[in-house]
Amino acid sequence: MHAFQPQEAAFALREFCEFETPVEQVDSLLFVGARMLDSLIQRASTRAMSLARVDLDLALEGNSTHRLVLRPALPAVDRKFLLKLMQLELLPALHPGRALACVERSSSSVQ
C-alpha cells in the first residue's frame, strides 16, 4: 500500500479574450465566442463531460460589466446549439453605443 496519493489539479474550464479595440458588432463577438466555445467543448469532451452552464463575463466600455448565463435544458456539447443560445443572449445585452472590451468565459460541466 502506498502512502502517497497523486493529487490532480482542480479541473476548470475558462477562456479569456481581451480586444485591442472595443467591439460593437455582435457578429464579430460571435466569431471570437465560437472559438472560445470550441475550446471549452473540446476540453470537456476529453474528460467525457458536457457543459451544463456557461457564464460569460463581459467588460464594457466605461468600466461596467455584464454577466450572461447560458443554461441549456440538458447538458450539451453541441457547438451550434450553444452558439445560438449565446447569440440570443447577446443581442439584448449589447445595446447600440455599448462596446465590448473583453470577454471571460467559464463553464460548469457534468459527466
PDB file of N, CA and C in Angstrom:
ATOM      1  N   MET A   1       0.845  -1.184   0.000  1.00  0.00           N
ATOM      2  CA  MET A   1       0.000   0.000   0.000  1.00  0.00           C
ATOM      3  C   MET A   1       0.886   1.241   0.000  1.00  0.00           C
ATOM      4  N   HIS A   2       0.572   2.181  -0.873  1.00  0.00           N
ATOM      5  CA  HIS A   2       1.342   3.413  -0.969  1.00  0.00           C
ATOM      6  C   HIS A   2       0.752   4.502  -0.087  1.00  0.00           C
ATOM      7  N   ALA A   3       1.607   5.205   0.590  1.00  0.00           N
ATOM      8  CA  ALA A   3       1.153   6.297   1.447  1.00  0.00           C
ATOM      9  C   ALA A   3       0.894   7.572   0.660  1.00  0.00           C
ATOM     10  N   PHE A   4       1.467   7.659  -0.532  1.00  0.00           N
ATOM     11  CA  PHE A   4       1.310   8.870  -1.332  1.00  0.00           C
ATOM     12  C   PHE A   4       0.169   8.715  -2.324  1.00  0.00           C
ATOM     13  N   GLN A   5      -0.659   9.709  -2.407  1.00  0.00           N
ATOM     14  CA  GLN A   5      -1.764   9.732  -3.349  1.00  0.00           C
ATOM     15  C   GLN A   5      -1.538  10.881  -4.331  1.00  0.00           C
ATOM     16  N   PRO A   6      -1.582  10.618  -5.621  1.00  0.00           N
ATOM     17  CA  PRO A   6      -1.407  11.719  -6.578  1.00  0.00           C
ATOM     18  C   PRO A   6      -2.574  12.699  -6.473  1.00  0.00           C
ATOM     19  N   GLN A   7      -2.249  13.957  -6.543  1.00  0.00           N
ATOM     20  CA  GLN A   7      -3.279  14.992  -6.493  1.00  0.00           C
ATOM     21  C   GLN A   7      -3.385  15.640  -7.856  1.00  0.00           C
ATOM     22  N   GLU A   8      -4.578  15.626  -8.398  1.00  0.00           N
ATOM     23  CA  GLU A   8      -4.814  16.285  -9.670  1.00  0.00           C
ATOM     24  C   GLU A   8      -5.206  17.727  -9.410  1.00  0.00           C
ATOM     25  N   ALA A   9      -4.770  18.575 -10.304  1.00  0.00           N
ATOM     26  CA  ALA A   9      -5.178  19.976 -10.202  1.00  0.00           C
ATOM     27  C   ALA A   9      -6.683  20.070 -10.433  1.00  0.00           C
ATOM     28  N   ALA A  10      -7.305  21.055  -9.819  1.00  0.00           N
ATOM     29  CA  ALA A  10      -8.742  21.247  -9.995  1.00  0.00           C
ATOM     30  C   ALA A  10      -9.046  21.499 -11.472  1.00  0.00           C
ATOM     31  N   PHE A  11     -10.046  20.811 -11.978  1.00  0.00           N
ATOM     32  CA  PHE A  11     -10.410  20.941 -13.385  1.00  0.00           C
ATOM     33  C   PHE A  11     -11.303  22.161 -13.550  1.00  0.00           C
ATOM     34  N   ALA A  12     -10.813  23.132 -14.294  1.00  0.00           N
ATOM     35  CA  ALA A  12     -11.577  24.353 -14.528  1.00  0.00           C
ATOM     36  C   ALA A  12     -11.626  24.630 -16.023  1.00  0.00           C
ATOM     37  N   LEU A  13     -12.786  24.998 -16.487  1.00  0.00           N
ATOM     38  CA  LEU A  13     -12.961  25.371 -17.888  1.00  0.00           C
ATOM     39  C   LEU A  13     -13.099  26.887 -17.936  1.00  0.00           C
ATOM     40  N   ARG A  14     -12.061  27.563 -18.428  1.00  0.00           N
ATOM     41  CA  ARG A  14     -12.043  29.030 -18.508  1.00  0.00           C
ATOM     42  C   ARG A  14     -11.367  29.477 -19.775  1.00  0.00           C
ATOM     43  N   GLU A  15     -11.900  30.530 -20.365  1.00  0.00           N
ATOM     44  CA  GLU A  15     -11.304  31.175 -21.529  1.00  0.00           C
ATOM     45  C   GLU A  15     -11.389  32.680 -21.317  1.00  0.00           C
ATOM     46  N   PHE A  16     -10.420  33.390 -21.841  1.00  0.00           N
ATOM     47  CA  PHE A  16     -10.384  34.855 -21.696  1.00  0.00           C
ATOM     48  C   PHE A  16      -9.916  35.465 -23.008  1.00  0.00           C
ATOM     49  N   CYS A  17     -10.534  36.565 -23.390  1.00  0.00           N
ATOM     50  CA  CYS A  17     -10.126  37.271 -24.598  1.00  0.00           C
ATOM     51  C   CYS A  17     -10.287  38.769 -24.369  1.00  0.00           C
ATOM     52  N   GLU A  18      -9.209  39.493 -24.549  1.00  0.00           N
ATOM     53  CA  GLU A  18      -9.257  40.951 -24.444  1.00  0.00           C
ATOM     54  C   GLU A  18      -9.026  41.530 -25.833  1.00  0.00           C
ATOM     55  N   PHE A  19      -9.874  42.454 -26.231  1.00  0.00           N
ATOM     56  CA  PHE A  19      -9.798  43.032 -27.565  1.00  0.00           C
ATOM     57  C   PHE A  19      -8.897  44.258 -27.584  1.00  0.00           C
ATOM     58  N   GLU A  20      -8.178  44.451 -28.702  1.00  0.00           N
ATOM     59  CA  GLU A  20      -7.321  45.633 -28.843  1.00  0.00           C
ATOM     60  C   GLU A  20      -8.155  46.896 -28.902  1.00  0.00           C
ATOM     61  N   THR A  21      -9.246  46.823 -29.634  1.00  0.00           N
ATOM     62  CA  THR A  21     -10.199  47.938 -29.695  1.00  0.00           C
ATOM     63  C   THR A  21     -11.567  47.395 -29.326  1.00  0.00           C
ATOM     64  N   PRO A  22     -12.400  48.187 -28.691  1.00  0.00           N
ATOM     65  CA  PRO A  22     -13.726  47.709 -28.289  1.00  0.00           C
ATOM     66  C   PRO A  22     -14.548  47.224 -29.489  1.00  0.00           C
ATOM     67  N   VAL A  23     -15.338  46.188 -29.265  1.00  0.00           N
ATOM     68  CA  VAL A  23     -16.148  45.569 -30.312  1.00  0.00           C
ATOM     69  C   VAL A  23     -17.610  45.965 -30.105  1.00  0.00           C
ATOM     70  N   GLU A  24     -18.245  46.437 -31.181  1.00  0.00           N
ATOM     71  CA  GLU A  24     -19.647  46.828 -31.107  1.00  0.00           C
ATOM     72  C   GLU A  24     -20.555  45.884 -31.888  1.00  0.00           C
ATOM     73  N   GLN A  25     -19.998  45.105 -32.818  1.00  0.00           N
ATOM     74  CA  GLN A  25     -20.821  44.244 -33.663  1.00  0.00           C
ATOM     75  C   GLN A  25     -20.950  42.852 -33.067  1.00  0.00           C
ATOM     76  N   VAL A  26     -22.178  42.361 -33.020  1.00  0.00           N
ATOM     77  CA  VAL A  26     -22.446  41.048 -32.454  1.00  0.00           C
ATOM     78  C   VAL A  26     -21.773  39.957 -33.284  1.00  0.00           C
ATOM     79  N   ASP A  27     -21.735  40.107 -34.611  1.00  0.00           N
ATOM     80  CA  ASP A  27     -21.111  39.092 -35.468  1.00  0.00           C
ATOM     81  C   ASP A  27     -19.636  38.891 -35.134  1.00  0.00           C
ATOM     82  N   SER A  28     -18.933  39.979 -34.884  1.00  0.00           N
ATOM     83  CA  SER A  28     -17.518  39.877 -34.520  1.00  0.00           C
ATOM     84  C   SER A  28     -17.358  39.157 -33.186  1.00  0.00           C
ATOM     85  N   LEU A  29     -18.226  39.472 -32.262  1.00  0.00           N
ATOM     86  CA  LEU A  29     -18.169  38.831 -30.950  1.00  0.00           C
ATOM     87  C   LEU A  29     -18.507  37.348 -31.052  1.00  0.00           C
ATOM     88  N   LEU A  30     -19.460  36.995 -31.891  1.00  0.00           N
ATOM     89  CA  LEU A  30     -19.816  35.586 -32.072  1.00  0.00           C
ATOM     90  C   LEU A  30     -18.671  34.801 -32.701  1.00  0.00           C
ATOM     91  N   PHE A  31     -17.927  35.430 -33.598  1.00  0.00           N
ATOM     92  CA  PHE A  31     -16.780  34.766 -34.214  1.00  0.00           C
ATOM     93  C   PHE A  31     -15.752  34.383 -33.149  1.00  0.00           C
ATOM     94  N   VAL A  32     -15.422  35.330 -32.286  1.00  0.00           N
ATOM     95  CA  VAL A  32     -14.461  35.064 -31.209  1.00  0.00           C
ATOM     96  C   VAL A  32     -15.072  34.098 -30.195  1.00  0.00           C
ATOM     97  N   GLY A  33     -16.351  34.298 -29.891  1.00  0.00           N
ATOM     98  CA  GLY A  33     -17.037  33.434 -28.934  1.00  0.00           C
ATOM     99  C   GLY A  33     -17.095  31.990 -29.385  1.00  0.00           C
ATOM    100  N   ALA A  34     -17.229  31.773 -30.692  1.00  0.00           N
ATOM    101  CA  ALA A  34     -17.277  30.409 -31.227  1.00  0.00           C
ATOM    102  C   ALA A  34     -15.957  29.688 -30.987  1.00  0.00           C
ATOM    103  N   ARG A  35     -14.846  30.381 -31.167  1.00  0.00           N
ATOM    104  CA  ARG A  35     -13.535  29.760 -30.924  1.00  0.00           C
ATOM    105  C   ARG A  35     -13.346  29.441 -29.441  1.00  0.00           C
ATOM    106  N   MET A  36     -13.795  30.338 -28.588  1.00  0.00           N
ATOM    107  CA  MET A  36     -13.698  30.099 -27.153  1.00  0.00           C
ATOM    108  C   MET A  36     -14.584  28.908 -26.757  1.00  0.00           C
ATOM    109  N   LEU A  37     -15.777  28.858 -27.320  1.00  0.00           N
ATOM    110  CA  LEU A  37     -16.709  27.773 -27.041  1.00  0.00           C
ATOM    111  C   LEU A  37     -16.151  26.435 -27.525  1.00  0.00           C
ATOM    112  N   ASP A  38     -15.529  26.437 -28.701  1.00  0.00           N
ATOM    113  CA  ASP A  38     -14.892  25.212 -29.225  1.00  0.00           C
ATOM    114  C   ASP A  38     -13.853  24.680 -28.254  1.00  0.00           C
ATOM    115  N   SER A  39     -13.062  25.574 -27.706  1.00  0.00           N
ATOM    116  CA  SER A  39     -12.020  25.161 -26.765  1.00  0.00           C
ATOM    117  C   SER A  39     -12.628  24.550 -25.501  1.00  0.00           C
ATOM    118  N   LEU A  40     -13.683  25.176 -24.972  1.00  0.00           N
ATOM    119  CA  LEU A  40     -14.339  24.641 -23.781  1.00  0.00           C
ATOM    120  C   LEU A  40     -14.943  23.265 -24.057  1.00  0.00           C
ATOM    121  N   ILE A  41     -15.597  23.128 -25.207  1.00  0.00           N
ATOM    122  CA  ILE A  41     -16.230  21.859 -25.566  1.00  0.00           C
ATOM    123  C   ILE A  41     -15.179  20.768 -25.729  1.00  0.00           C
ATOM    124  N   GLN A  42     -14.086  21.096 -26.393  1.00  0.00           N
ATOM    125  CA  GLN A  42     -13.032  20.107 -26.611  1.00  0.00           C
ATOM    126  C   GLN A  42     -12.447  19.624 -25.284  1.00  0.00           C
ATOM    127  N   ARG A  43     -12.150  20.557 -24.380  1.00  0.00           N
ATOM    128  CA  ARG A  43     -11.571  20.151 -23.097  1.00  0.00           C
ATOM    129  C   ARG A  43     -12.555  19.364 -22.245  1.00  0.00           C
ATOM    130  N   ALA A  44     -13.837  19.730 -22.289  1.00  0.00           N
ATOM    131  CA  ALA A  44     -14.848  18.965 -21.545  1.00  0.00           C
ATOM    132  C   ALA A  44     -15.006  17.570 -22.144  1.00  0.00           C
ATOM    133  N   SER A  45     -14.987  17.486 -23.468  1.00  0.00           N
ATOM    134  CA  SER A  45     -15.169  16.202 -24.150  1.00  0.00           C
ATOM    135  C   SER A  45     -14.028  15.232 -23.868  1.00  0.00           C
ATOM    136  N   THR A  46     -12.810  15.746 -23.694  1.00  0.00           N
ATOM    137  CA  THR A  46     -11.682  14.854 -23.409  1.00  0.00           C
ATOM    138  C   THR A  46     -11.842  14.151 -22.060  1.00  0.00           C
ATOM    139  N   ARG A  47     -12.675  14.706 -21.195  1.00  0.00           N
ATOM    140  CA  ARG A  47     -12.952  14.080 -19.894  1.00  0.00           C
ATOM    141  C   ARG A  47     -14.349  13.467 -19.852  1.00  0.00           C
ATOM    142  N   ALA A  48     -14.955  13.280 -21.027  1.00  0.00           N
ATOM    143  CA  ALA A  48     -16.304  12.706 -21.147  1.00  0.00           C
ATOM    144  C   ALA A  48     -17.321  13.522 -20.359  1.00  0.00           C
ATOM    145  N   MET A  49     -17.263  14.830 -20.492  1.00  0.00           N
ATOM    146  CA  MET A  49     -18.178  15.733 -19.798  1.00  0.00           C
ATOM    147  C   MET A  49     -18.966  16.552 -20.813  1.00  0.00           C
ATOM    148  N   SER A  50     -20.091  17.092 -20.347  1.00  0.00           N
ATOM    149  CA  SER A  50     -20.904  18.008 -21.141  1.00  0.00           C
ATOM    150  C   SER A  50     -21.006  19.327 -20.386  1.00  0.00           C
ATOM    151  N   LEU A  51     -21.346  20.390 -21.092  1.00  0.00           N
ATOM    152  CA  LEU A  51     -21.465  21.704 -20.466  1.00  0.00           C
ATOM    153  C   LEU A  51     -22.889  21.910 -19.955  1.00  0.00           C
ATOM    154  N   ALA A  52     -23.025  22.097 -18.652  1.00  0.00           N
ATOM    155  CA  ALA A  52     -24.330  22.309 -18.032  1.00  0.00           C
ATOM    156  C   ALA A  52     -24.639  23.796 -17.882  1.00  0.00           C
ATOM    157  N   ARG A  53     -23.601  24.605 -17.861  1.00  0.00           N
ATOM    158  CA  ARG A  53     -23.773  26.047 -17.674  1.00  0.00           C
ATOM    159  C   ARG A  53     -22.549  26.743 -18.234  1.00  0.00           C
ATOM    160  N   VAL A  54     -22.778  27.861 -18.933  1.00  0.00           N
ATOM    161  CA  VAL A  54     -21.679  28.664 -19.453  1.00  0.00           C
ATOM    162  C   VAL A  54     -21.909  30.102 -18.986  1.00  0.00           C
ATOM    163  N   ASP A  55     -20.945  30.662 -18.271  1.00  0.00           N
ATOM    164  CA  ASP A  55     -21.018  32.045 -17.797  1.00  0.00           C
ATOM    165  C   ASP A  55     -20.155  32.915 -18.682  1.00  0.00           C
ATOM    166  N   LEU A  56     -20.725  34.026 -19.133  1.00  0.00           N
ATOM    167  CA  LEU A  56     -19.978  34.996 -19.935  1.00  0.00           C
ATOM    168  C   LEU A  56     -19.895  36.288 -19.132  1.00  0.00           C
ATOM    169  N   ASP A  57     -18.693  36.688 -18.795  1.00  0.00           N
ATOM    170  CA  ASP A  57     -18.489  37.965 -18.119  1.00  0.00           C
ATOM    171  C   ASP A  57     -17.986  38.955 -19.155  1.00  0.00           C
ATOM    172  N   LEU A  58     -18.793  39.975 -19.428  1.00  0.00           N
ATOM    173  CA  LEU A  58     -18.471  40.958 -20.450  1.00  0.00           C
ATOM    174  C   LEU A  58     -18.018  42.243 -19.787  1.00  0.00           C
ATOM    175  N   ALA A  59     -16.863  42.733 -20.175  1.00  0.00           N
ATOM    176  CA  ALA A  59     -16.370  44.023 -19.696  1.00  0.00           C
ATOM    177  C   ALA A  59     -16.693  45.049 -20.771  1.00  0.00           C
ATOM    178  N   LEU A  60     -17.535  46.000 -20.433  1.00  0.00           N
ATOM    179  CA  LEU A  60     -17.972  47.012 -21.385  1.00  0.00           C
ATOM    180  C   LEU A  60     -17.157  48.284 -21.218  1.00  0.00           C
ATOM    181  N   GLU A  61     -17.214  49.131 -22.224  1.00  0.00           N
ATOM    182  CA  GLU A  61     -16.531  50.421 -22.123  1.00  0.00           C
ATOM    183  C   GLU A  61     -17.109  51.189 -20.947  1.00  0.00           C
ATOM    184  N   GLY A  62     -16.274  51.968 -20.315  1.00  0.00           N
ATOM    185  CA  GLY A  62     -16.722  52.750 -19.166  1.00  0.00           C
ATOM    186  C   GLY A  62     -16.670  51.970 -17.866  1.00  0.00           C
ATOM    187  N   ASN A  63     -15.875  50.906 -17.839  1.00  0.00           N
ATOM    188  CA  ASN A  63     -15.655  50.080 -16.642  1.00  0.00           C
ATOM    189  C   ASN A  63     -16.923  49.436 -16.086  1.00  0.00           C
ATOM    190  N   SER A  64     -17.923  49.216 -16.919  1.00  0.00           N
ATOM    191  CA  SER A  64     -19.097  48.487 -16.452  1.00  0.00           C
ATOM    192  C   SER A  64     -18.988  47.037 -16.918  1.00  0.00           C
ATOM    193  N   THR A  65     -19.662  46.161 -16.217  1.00  0.00           N
ATOM    194  CA  THR A  65     -19.620  44.738 -16.565  1.00  0.00           C
ATOM    195  C   THR A  65     -21.042  44.213 -16.720  1.00  0.00           C
ATOM    196  N   HIS A  66     -21.137  43.115 -17.428  1.00  0.00           N
ATOM    197  CA  HIS A  66     -22.433  42.464 -17.633  1.00  0.00           C
ATOM    198  C   HIS A  66     -22.186  40.959 -17.651  1.00  0.00           C
ATOM    199  N   ARG A  67     -23.030  40.206 -16.987  1.00  0.00           N
ATOM    200  CA  ARG A  67     -22.873  38.746 -16.942  1.00  0.00           C
ATOM    201  C   ARG A  67     -24.051  38.091 -17.649  1.00  0.00           C
ATOM    202  N   LEU A  68     -23.717  37.176 -18.538  1.00  0.00           N
ATOM    203  CA  LEU A  68     -24.716  36.355 -19.217  1.00  0.00           C
ATOM    204  C   LEU A  68     -24.514  34.913 -18.775  1.00  0.00           C
ATOM    205  N   VAL A  69     -25.595  34.226 -18.526  1.00  0.00           N
ATOM    206  CA  VAL A  69     -25.527  32.829 -18.121  1.00  0.00           C
ATOM    207  C   VAL A  69     -26.320  32.001 -19.119  1.00  0.00           C
ATOM    208  N   LEU A  70     -25.656  31.033 -19.737  1.00  0.00           N
ATOM    209  CA  LEU A  70     -26.308  30.108 -20.655  1.00  0.00           C
ATOM    210  C   LEU A  70     -26.531  28.801 -19.930  1.00  0.00           C
ATOM    211  N   ARG A  71     -27.776  28.393 -19.824  1.00  0.00           N
ATOM    212  CA  ARG A  71     -28.111  27.119 -19.167  1.00  0.00           C
ATOM    213  C   ARG A  71     -28.993  26.306 -20.107  1.00  0.00           C
ATOM    214  N   PRO A  72     -28.393  25.421 -20.877  1.00  0.00           N
ATOM    215  CA  PRO A  72     -29.234  24.569 -21.727  1.00  0.00           C
ATOM    216  C   PRO A  72     -30.108  23.666 -20.857  1.00  0.00           C
ATOM    217  N   ALA A  73     -31.256  23.248 -21.401  1.00  0.00           N
ATOM    218  CA  ALA A  73     -32.172  22.378 -20.652  1.00  0.00           C
ATOM    219  C   ALA A  73     -31.481  21.082 -20.234  1.00  0.00           C
ATOM    220  N   LEU A  74     -30.624  20.575 -21.104  1.00  0.00           N
ATOM    221  CA  LEU A  74     -29.811  19.394 -20.812  1.00  0.00           C
ATOM    222  C   LEU A  74     -28.347  19.724 -21.069  1.00  0.00           C
ATOM    223  N   PRO A  75     -27.414  19.182 -20.295  1.00  0.00           N
ATOM    224  CA  PRO A  75     -26.000  19.422 -20.576  1.00  0.00           C
ATOM    225  C   PRO A  75     -25.682  19.069 -22.026  1.00  0.00           C
ATOM    226  N   ALA A  76     -24.856  19.893 -22.677  1.00  0.00           N
ATOM    227  CA  ALA A  76     -24.628  19.717 -24.113  1.00  0.00           C
ATOM    228  C   ALA A  76     -23.172  19.951 -24.489  1.00  0.00           C
ATOM    229  N   VAL A  77     -22.798  19.400 -25.637  1.00  0.00           N
ATOM    230  CA  VAL A  77     -21.511  19.692 -26.272  1.00  0.00           C
ATOM    231  C   VAL A  77     -21.733  20.040 -27.744  1.00  0.00           C
ATOM    232  N   ASP A  78     -22.970  20.370 -28.087  1.00  0.00           N
ATOM    233  CA  ASP A  78     -23.318  20.742 -29.456  1.00  0.00           C
ATOM    234  C   ASP A  78     -22.964  22.211 -29.685  1.00  0.00           C
ATOM    235  N   ARG A  79     -21.941  22.446 -30.498  1.00  0.00           N
ATOM    236  CA  ARG A  79     -21.417  23.792 -30.731  1.00  0.00           C
ATOM    237  C   ARG A  79     -22.476  24.725 -31.305  1.00  0.00           C
ATOM    238  N   LYS A  80     -23.203  24.276 -32.313  1.00  0.00           N
ATOM    239  CA  LYS A  80     -24.207  25.135 -32.962  1.00  0.00           C
ATOM    240  C   LYS A  80     -25.306  25.538 -31.989  1.00  0.00           C
ATOM    241  N   PHE A  81     -25.740  24.592 -31.190  1.00  0.00           N
ATOM    242  CA  PHE A  81     -26.785  24.853 -30.207  1.00  0.00           C
ATOM    243  C   PHE A  81     -26.330  25.886 -29.171  1.00  0.00           C
ATOM    244  N   LEU A  82     -25.149  25.678 -28.600  1.00  0.00           N
ATOM    245  CA  LEU A  82     -24.642  26.603 -27.590  1.00  0.00           C
ATOM    246  C   LEU A  82     -24.342  27.980 -28.177  1.00  0.00           C
ATOM    247  N   LEU A  83     -23.863  28.015 -29.417  1.00  0.00           N
ATOM    248  CA  LEU A  83     -23.591  29.292 -30.072  1.00  0.00           C
ATOM    249  C   LEU A  83     -24.889  30.061 -30.320  1.00  0.00           C
ATOM    250  N   LYS A  84     -25.954  29.365 -30.683  1.00  0.00           N
ATOM    251  CA  LYS A  84     -27.249  30.022 -30.893  1.00  0.00           C
ATOM    252  C   LYS A  84     -27.781  30.575 -29.582  1.00  0.00           C
ATOM    253  N   LEU A  85     -27.631  29.821 -28.497  1.00  0.00           N
ATOM    254  CA  LEU A  85     -28.026  30.335 -27.178  1.00  0.00           C
ATOM    255  C   LEU A  85     -27.245  31.605 -26.838  1.00  0.00           C
ATOM    256  N   MET A  86     -25.954  31.591 -27.123  1.00  0.00           N
ATOM    257  CA  MET A  86     -25.126  32.761 -26.856  1.00  0.00           C
ATOM    258  C   MET A  86     -25.600  33.953 -27.680  1.00  0.00           C
ATOM    259  N   GLN A  87     -25.911  33.720 -28.945  1.00  0.00           N
ATOM    260  CA  GLN A  87     -26.380  34.799 -29.818  1.00  0.00           C
ATOM    261  C   GLN A  87     -27.683  35.393 -29.281  1.00  0.00           C
ATOM    262  N   LEU A  88     -28.607  34.558 -28.866  1.00  0.00           N
ATOM    263  CA  LEU A  88     -29.889  35.046 -28.351  1.00  0.00           C
ATOM    264  C   LEU A  88     -29.724  35.854 -27.065  1.00  0.00           C
ATOM    265  N   GLU A  89     -28.742  35.504 -26.251  1.00  0.00           N
ATOM    266  CA  GLU A  89     -28.484  36.250 -25.019  1.00  0.00           C
ATOM    267  C   GLU A  89     -27.718  37.542 -25.274  1.00  0.00           C
ATOM    268  N   LEU A  90     -26.847  37.547 -26.289  1.00  0.00           N
ATOM    269  CA  LEU A  90     -26.018  38.717 -26.563  1.00  0.00           C
ATOM    270  C   LEU A  90     -26.784  39.862 -27.210  1.00  0.00           C
ATOM    271  N   LEU A  91     -27.752  39.551 -28.051  1.00  0.00           N
ATOM    272  CA  LEU A  91     -28.463  40.607 -28.780  1.00  0.00           C
ATOM    273  C   LEU A  91     -29.058  41.671 -27.861  1.00  0.00           C
ATOM    274  N   PRO A  92     -29.801  41.292 -26.820  1.00  0.00           N
ATOM    275  CA  PRO A  92     -30.325  42.346 -25.935  1.00  0.00           C
ATOM    276  C   PRO A  92     -29.253  42.970 -25.035  1.00  0.00           C
ATOM    277  N   ALA A  93     -28.166  42.257 -24.783  1.00  0.00           N
ATOM    278  CA  ALA A  93     -27.130  42.760 -23.872  1.00  0.00           C
ATOM    279  C   ALA A  93     -26.298  43.875 -24.491  1.00  0.00           C
ATOM    280  N   LEU A  94     -26.073  43.814 -25.807  1.00  0.00           N
ATOM    281  CA  LEU A  94     -25.249  44.826 -26.471  1.00  0.00           C
ATOM    282  C   LEU A  94     -26.131  45.864 -27.146  1.00  0.00           C
ATOM    283  N   HIS A  95     -26.525  46.848 -26.385  1.00  0.00           N
ATOM    284  CA  HIS A  95     -27.322  47.948 -26.919  1.00  0.00           C
ATOM    285  C   HIS A  95     -26.439  48.805 -27.808  1.00  0.00           C
ATOM    286  N   PRO A  96     -27.024  49.514 -28.762  1.00  0.00           N
ATOM    287  CA  PRO A  96     -26.210  50.426 -29.582  1.00  0.00           C
ATOM    288  C   PRO A  96     -25.435  51.407 -28.702  1.00  0.00           C
ATOM    289  N   GLY A  97     -24.184  51.593 -29.026  1.00  0.00           N
ATOM    290  CA  GLY A  97     -23.334  52.507 -28.266  1.00  0.00           C
ATOM    291  C   GLY A  97     -22.588  51.846 -27.128  1.00  0.00           C
ATOM    292  N   ARG A  98     -22.854  50.578 -26.854  1.00  0.00           N
ATOM    293  CA  ARG A  98     -22.138  49.861 -25.789  1.00  0.00           C
ATOM    294  C   ARG A  98     -21.137  48.931 -26.440  1.00  0.00           C
ATOM    295  N   ALA A  99     -19.880  49.270 -26.361  1.00  0.00           N
ATOM    296  CA  ALA A  99     -18.825  48.456 -26.969  1.00  0.00           C
ATOM    297  C   ALA A  99     -18.237  47.522 -25.922  1.00  0.00           C
ATOM    298  N   LEU A 100     -17.778  46.387 -26.390  1.00  0.00           N
ATOM    299  CA  LEU A 100     -17.244  45.349 -25.528  1.00  0.00           C
ATOM    300  C   LEU A 100     -15.728  45.392 -25.535  1.00  0.00           C
ATOM    301  N   ALA A 101     -15.112  45.385 -24.362  1.00  0.00           N
ATOM    302  CA  ALA A 101     -13.660  45.463 -24.256  1.00  0.00           C
ATOM    303  C   ALA A 101     -13.015  44.088 -24.068  1.00  0.00           C
ATOM    304  N   CYS A 102     -13.650  43.181 -23.321  1.00  0.00           N
ATOM    305  CA  CYS A 102     -13.103  41.837 -23.154  1.00  0.00           C
ATOM    306  C   CYS A 102     -14.199  40.866 -22.740  1.00  0.00           C
ATOM    307  N   VAL A 103     -13.903  39.577 -22.914  1.00  0.00           N
ATOM    308  CA  VAL A 103     -14.844  38.506 -22.582  1.00  0.00           C
ATOM    309  C   VAL A 103     -14.109  37.458 -21.766  1.00  0.00           C
ATOM    310  N   GLU A 104     -14.720  37.020 -20.705  1.00  0.00           N
ATOM    311  CA  GLU A 104     -14.200  35.870 -19.963  1.00  0.00           C
ATOM    312  C   GLU A 104     -15.325  34.850 -19.904  1.00  0.00           C
ATOM    313  N   ARG A 105     -14.988  33.624 -20.218  1.00  0.00           N
ATOM    314  CA  ARG A 105     -15.994  32.574 -20.278  1.00  0.00           C
ATOM    315  C   ARG A 105     -15.561  31.445 -19.370  1.00  0.00           C
ATOM    316  N   SER A 106     -16.483  30.995 -18.545  1.00  0.00           N
ATOM    317  CA  SER A 106     -16.215  29.827 -17.727  1.00  0.00           C
ATOM    318  C   SER A 106     -17.448  28.935 -17.806  1.00  0.00           C
ATOM    319  N   SER A 107     -17.271  27.674 -17.465  1.00  0.00           N
ATOM    320  CA  SER A 107     -18.412  26.776 -17.549  1.00  0.00           C
ATOM    321  C   SER A 107     -18.365  25.733 -16.462  1.00  0.00           C
ATOM    322  N   SER A 108     -19.548  25.207 -16.175  1.00  0.00           N
ATOM    323  CA  SER A 108     -19.680  24.084 -15.258  1.00  0.00           C
ATOM    324  C   SER A 108     -20.012  22.875 -16.112  1.00  0.00           C
ATOM    325  N   SER A 109     -19.431  21.759 -15.777  1.00  0.00           N
ATOM    326  CA  SER A 109     -19.644  20.561 -16.583  1.00  0.00           C
ATOM    327  C   SER A 109     -20.135  19.427 -15.719  1.00  0.00           C
ATOM    328  N   VAL A 110     -20.763  18.462 -16.385  1.00  0.00           N
ATOM    329  CA  VAL A 110     -21.219  17.259 -15.708  1.00  0.00           C
ATOM    330  C   VAL A 110     -20.774  16.050 -16.508  1.00  0.00           C
ATOM    331  N   GLN A 111     -20.646  14.922 -15.850  1.00  0.00           N
ATOM    332  CA  GLN A 111     -20.255  13.707 -16.551  1.00  0.00           C
ATOM    333  C   GLN A 111     -21.477  12.974 -17.022  1.00  0.00           C
TER     334      GLN A 111
END
